[in-house]
N, C-alpha and C. Protein backbone atom coordinates (compact mmCIF):
# COMPACT_ATOMS: atom_id res chain seq x y z
N UNK A 1 6.41 81.37 82.01
CA UNK A 1 7.25 82.40 81.45
C UNK A 1 8.39 81.77 80.68
N UNK A 2 9.65 81.74 81.21
CA UNK A 2 10.80 81.22 80.49
C UNK A 2 11.12 79.78 80.90
N UNK A 3 10.12 78.91 80.82
CA UNK A 3 10.40 77.50 81.24
C UNK A 3 11.28 76.85 80.19
N UNK A 4 12.26 76.02 80.72
CA UNK A 4 13.07 75.28 79.78
C UNK A 4 12.63 73.79 79.84
N UNK A 5 12.45 73.23 78.70
CA UNK A 5 11.99 71.84 78.63
C UNK A 5 13.23 71.01 78.35
N UNK A 6 13.56 70.07 79.24
CA UNK A 6 14.72 69.23 79.09
C UNK A 6 14.35 67.98 78.35
N UNK A 7 15.06 67.70 77.26
CA UNK A 7 14.79 66.52 76.46
C UNK A 7 15.48 65.32 77.15
N UNK A 8 14.79 64.19 77.32
CA UNK A 8 15.38 63.04 77.95
C UNK A 8 16.35 62.29 76.99
N UNK A 9 17.44 61.87 77.52
CA UNK A 9 18.42 61.13 76.68
C UNK A 9 17.89 59.75 76.36
N UNK A 10 18.07 59.30 75.12
CA UNK A 10 17.65 58.00 74.67
C UNK A 10 18.86 57.28 74.15
N UNK A 11 18.93 55.96 74.47
CA UNK A 11 20.01 55.15 74.03
C UNK A 11 19.53 53.82 73.50
N UNK A 12 20.22 53.23 72.54
CA UNK A 12 19.90 51.90 72.00
C UNK A 12 20.87 50.89 72.61
N UNK A 13 20.44 49.68 72.90
CA UNK A 13 21.28 48.70 73.50
C UNK A 13 20.71 47.28 73.40
N UNK A 14 21.45 46.35 73.97
CA UNK A 14 21.03 44.95 73.92
C UNK A 14 20.80 44.49 75.34
N UNK A 15 19.71 43.76 75.60
CA UNK A 15 19.41 43.18 76.93
C UNK A 15 20.39 42.03 77.18
N UNK A 16 21.19 42.15 78.23
CA UNK A 16 22.14 41.09 78.58
C UNK A 16 21.70 40.30 79.80
N UNK A 17 20.71 40.79 80.56
CA UNK A 17 20.18 39.99 81.66
C UNK A 17 18.72 40.41 81.94
N UNK A 18 17.86 39.41 82.13
CA UNK A 18 16.43 39.66 82.43
C UNK A 18 16.01 38.84 83.67
N UNK A 19 16.96 38.52 84.53
CA UNK A 19 16.69 37.68 85.72
C UNK A 19 15.90 38.36 86.82
N UNK A 20 15.90 39.66 86.85
CA UNK A 20 15.21 40.42 87.90
C UNK A 20 13.75 40.63 87.55
N UNK A 21 12.97 40.96 88.56
CA UNK A 21 11.57 41.30 88.31
C UNK A 21 11.45 42.73 88.00
N UNK A 22 10.87 43.04 86.83
CA UNK A 22 10.63 44.43 86.32
C UNK A 22 11.90 45.23 86.12
N UNK A 23 13.06 44.52 85.92
CA UNK A 23 14.28 45.20 85.62
C UNK A 23 15.09 44.34 84.61
N UNK A 24 15.83 45.08 83.78
CA UNK A 24 16.73 44.42 82.84
C UNK A 24 18.06 45.15 82.83
N UNK A 25 19.14 44.48 82.46
CA UNK A 25 20.44 45.02 82.28
C UNK A 25 20.63 45.22 80.76
N UNK A 26 20.90 46.49 80.35
CA UNK A 26 21.06 46.82 78.94
C UNK A 26 22.49 47.21 78.72
N UNK A 27 23.14 46.60 77.75
CA UNK A 27 24.54 46.96 77.37
C UNK A 27 24.46 47.89 76.16
N UNK A 28 25.05 49.11 76.39
CA UNK A 28 25.05 50.16 75.37
C UNK A 28 26.49 50.29 74.84
N UNK A 29 26.64 50.30 73.56
CA UNK A 29 27.97 50.36 72.96
C UNK A 29 28.14 51.78 72.25
N UNK A 30 29.35 52.30 72.38
CA UNK A 30 29.62 53.57 71.73
C UNK A 30 31.07 53.58 71.21
N UNK A 31 31.35 54.47 70.27
CA UNK A 31 32.66 54.58 69.72
C UNK A 31 33.33 55.87 70.23
N UNK A 32 34.55 55.79 70.70
CA UNK A 32 35.29 56.95 71.21
C UNK A 32 36.61 57.01 70.45
N UNK A 33 37.08 58.19 70.18
CA UNK A 33 38.32 58.33 69.51
C UNK A 33 39.44 58.37 70.57
N UNK A 34 40.44 57.55 70.38
CA UNK A 34 41.57 57.49 71.30
C UNK A 34 42.30 58.84 71.25
N UNK A 35 42.64 59.45 72.41
CA UNK A 35 43.28 60.74 72.40
C UNK A 35 44.63 60.79 71.78
N UNK A 36 45.45 59.73 71.92
CA UNK A 36 46.80 59.70 71.39
C UNK A 36 46.87 59.12 69.97
N UNK A 37 46.24 57.93 69.79
CA UNK A 37 46.38 57.23 68.54
C UNK A 37 45.31 57.56 67.53
N UNK A 38 44.34 58.38 67.85
CA UNK A 38 43.29 58.79 66.97
C UNK A 38 42.54 57.67 66.29
N UNK A 39 42.47 56.49 66.97
CA UNK A 39 41.77 55.36 66.44
C UNK A 39 40.47 55.24 67.26
N UNK A 40 39.42 54.79 66.57
CA UNK A 40 38.11 54.63 67.26
C UNK A 40 38.14 53.35 68.09
N UNK A 41 37.78 53.48 69.39
CA UNK A 41 37.73 52.35 70.28
C UNK A 41 36.30 52.14 70.74
N UNK A 42 35.91 50.86 70.75
CA UNK A 42 34.55 50.46 71.12
C UNK A 42 34.44 50.38 72.66
N UNK A 43 33.53 51.20 73.23
CA UNK A 43 33.32 51.17 74.72
C UNK A 43 31.94 50.66 74.98
N UNK A 44 31.82 49.93 76.11
CA UNK A 44 30.49 49.34 76.50
C UNK A 44 30.16 49.77 77.95
N UNK A 45 28.88 50.05 78.14
CA UNK A 45 28.35 50.41 79.47
C UNK A 45 27.12 49.55 79.76
N UNK A 46 27.02 49.02 80.97
CA UNK A 46 25.86 48.29 81.36
C UNK A 46 24.99 49.17 82.23
N UNK A 47 23.72 49.31 81.89
CA UNK A 47 22.79 50.12 82.60
C UNK A 47 21.55 49.33 83.03
N UNK A 48 21.07 49.61 84.23
CA UNK A 48 19.80 48.97 84.71
C UNK A 48 18.63 49.78 84.19
N UNK A 49 17.67 49.04 83.64
CA UNK A 49 16.43 49.78 83.14
C UNK A 49 15.18 49.12 83.69
N UNK A 50 14.14 49.94 83.85
CA UNK A 50 12.93 49.48 84.40
C UNK A 50 12.06 48.90 83.24
N UNK A 51 11.55 47.69 83.43
CA UNK A 51 10.70 47.05 82.43
C UNK A 51 9.40 46.63 83.14
N UNK A 52 8.45 47.51 83.15
CA UNK A 52 7.20 47.36 83.89
C UNK A 52 6.47 46.06 83.60
N UNK A 53 6.45 45.61 82.36
CA UNK A 53 5.65 44.43 81.95
C UNK A 53 6.42 43.14 81.89
N UNK A 54 7.71 43.20 82.28
CA UNK A 54 8.61 42.01 82.10
C UNK A 54 8.55 41.50 80.68
N UNK A 55 8.57 42.40 79.74
CA UNK A 55 8.39 42.15 78.32
C UNK A 55 9.72 41.75 77.65
N UNK A 56 10.85 42.25 78.07
CA UNK A 56 12.14 42.06 77.45
C UNK A 56 12.73 40.70 77.82
N UNK A 57 13.42 40.14 76.84
CA UNK A 57 14.13 38.86 77.00
C UNK A 57 15.61 39.11 76.66
N UNK A 58 16.47 38.18 77.03
CA UNK A 58 17.91 38.36 76.71
C UNK A 58 18.10 38.38 75.21
N UNK A 59 18.93 39.27 74.75
CA UNK A 59 19.26 39.39 73.33
C UNK A 59 18.38 40.36 72.59
N UNK A 60 17.35 40.86 73.16
CA UNK A 60 16.50 41.89 72.55
C UNK A 60 17.25 43.20 72.35
N UNK A 61 16.97 43.89 71.23
CA UNK A 61 17.48 45.21 70.99
C UNK A 61 16.38 46.18 71.44
N UNK A 62 16.77 47.08 72.36
CA UNK A 62 15.78 47.95 72.98
C UNK A 62 16.21 49.41 72.94
N UNK A 63 15.22 50.36 73.14
CA UNK A 63 15.52 51.74 73.29
C UNK A 63 15.18 52.06 74.71
N UNK A 64 16.12 52.69 75.50
CA UNK A 64 15.90 53.07 76.86
C UNK A 64 15.96 54.60 76.94
N UNK A 65 15.17 55.12 77.87
CA UNK A 65 15.01 56.57 78.03
C UNK A 65 15.37 56.90 79.48
N UNK A 66 16.03 58.03 79.63
CA UNK A 66 16.39 58.50 80.98
C UNK A 66 15.12 58.76 81.81
N UNK A 67 15.15 58.48 83.13
CA UNK A 67 13.99 58.72 83.95
C UNK A 67 14.46 59.09 85.35
N UNK A 68 13.53 59.27 86.24
CA UNK A 68 13.86 59.60 87.62
C UNK A 68 14.49 58.37 88.28
N UNK A 69 15.25 58.54 89.35
CA UNK A 69 15.83 57.37 90.01
C UNK A 69 14.76 56.49 90.61
N UNK A 70 14.80 55.21 90.27
CA UNK A 70 13.82 54.25 90.81
C UNK A 70 14.40 53.38 91.91
N UNK A 71 15.73 53.26 91.91
CA UNK A 71 16.43 52.58 93.01
C UNK A 71 17.84 53.09 92.96
N UNK A 72 18.72 52.43 93.75
CA UNK A 72 20.08 52.94 93.86
C UNK A 72 20.81 53.00 92.49
N UNK A 73 20.63 52.02 91.61
CA UNK A 73 21.30 51.98 90.30
C UNK A 73 20.43 52.18 89.11
N UNK A 74 19.11 52.09 89.29
CA UNK A 74 18.14 52.09 88.17
C UNK A 74 17.65 53.51 87.88
N UNK A 75 18.13 54.05 86.70
CA UNK A 75 17.74 55.41 86.30
C UNK A 75 17.28 55.47 84.85
N UNK A 76 16.90 54.38 84.29
CA UNK A 76 16.46 54.30 82.90
C UNK A 76 15.17 53.46 82.81
N UNK A 77 14.36 53.71 81.74
CA UNK A 77 13.14 52.94 81.45
C UNK A 77 13.22 52.36 80.06
N UNK A 78 12.65 51.20 79.89
CA UNK A 78 12.62 50.63 78.54
C UNK A 78 11.45 51.32 77.80
N UNK A 79 11.78 52.00 76.71
CA UNK A 79 10.69 52.68 75.91
C UNK A 79 10.07 51.76 74.91
N UNK A 80 10.90 50.97 74.17
CA UNK A 80 10.30 50.04 73.18
C UNK A 80 11.36 48.98 72.86
N UNK A 81 10.83 47.84 72.35
CA UNK A 81 11.68 46.78 71.91
C UNK A 81 11.78 46.91 70.41
N UNK A 82 13.00 47.12 69.89
CA UNK A 82 13.17 47.28 68.45
C UNK A 82 13.20 45.94 67.66
N UNK A 83 13.89 44.92 68.31
CA UNK A 83 14.02 43.68 67.65
C UNK A 83 14.07 42.55 68.69
N UNK A 84 13.30 41.55 68.47
CA UNK A 84 13.29 40.38 69.43
C UNK A 84 14.49 39.56 69.14
N UNK A 85 14.97 38.83 70.20
CA UNK A 85 16.10 37.91 69.98
C UNK A 85 15.64 36.69 69.20
N UNK A 86 16.55 36.06 68.55
CA UNK A 86 16.25 34.93 67.69
C UNK A 86 15.98 33.69 68.48
N UNK A 87 16.60 33.48 69.63
CA UNK A 87 16.44 32.23 70.39
C UNK A 87 15.13 32.16 71.12
N UNK A 88 14.32 31.23 70.77
CA UNK A 88 13.02 31.02 71.38
C UNK A 88 13.03 29.60 71.88
N UNK A 89 12.77 29.37 73.18
CA UNK A 89 12.85 27.99 73.75
C UNK A 89 11.68 27.11 73.33
């Protein structure tokens, strides 16, 4: 009948840690306007994301999508890798 379909939130960020198994830490940057000074301030948030194939490496630019809770802190999934990091060992 009147079902509502909720769109999942998507964010772009940079992988800052890939030391865990099937998990990565993604740093997402956003601009906020300061309430008093009206200047744009850069804010950063670190989010844990699920990486099923252990595909992501540090420095990769990725798209993460909102998902069900997979652990205490992990509520995002890696959807795709936009750009690989330059450093290759």
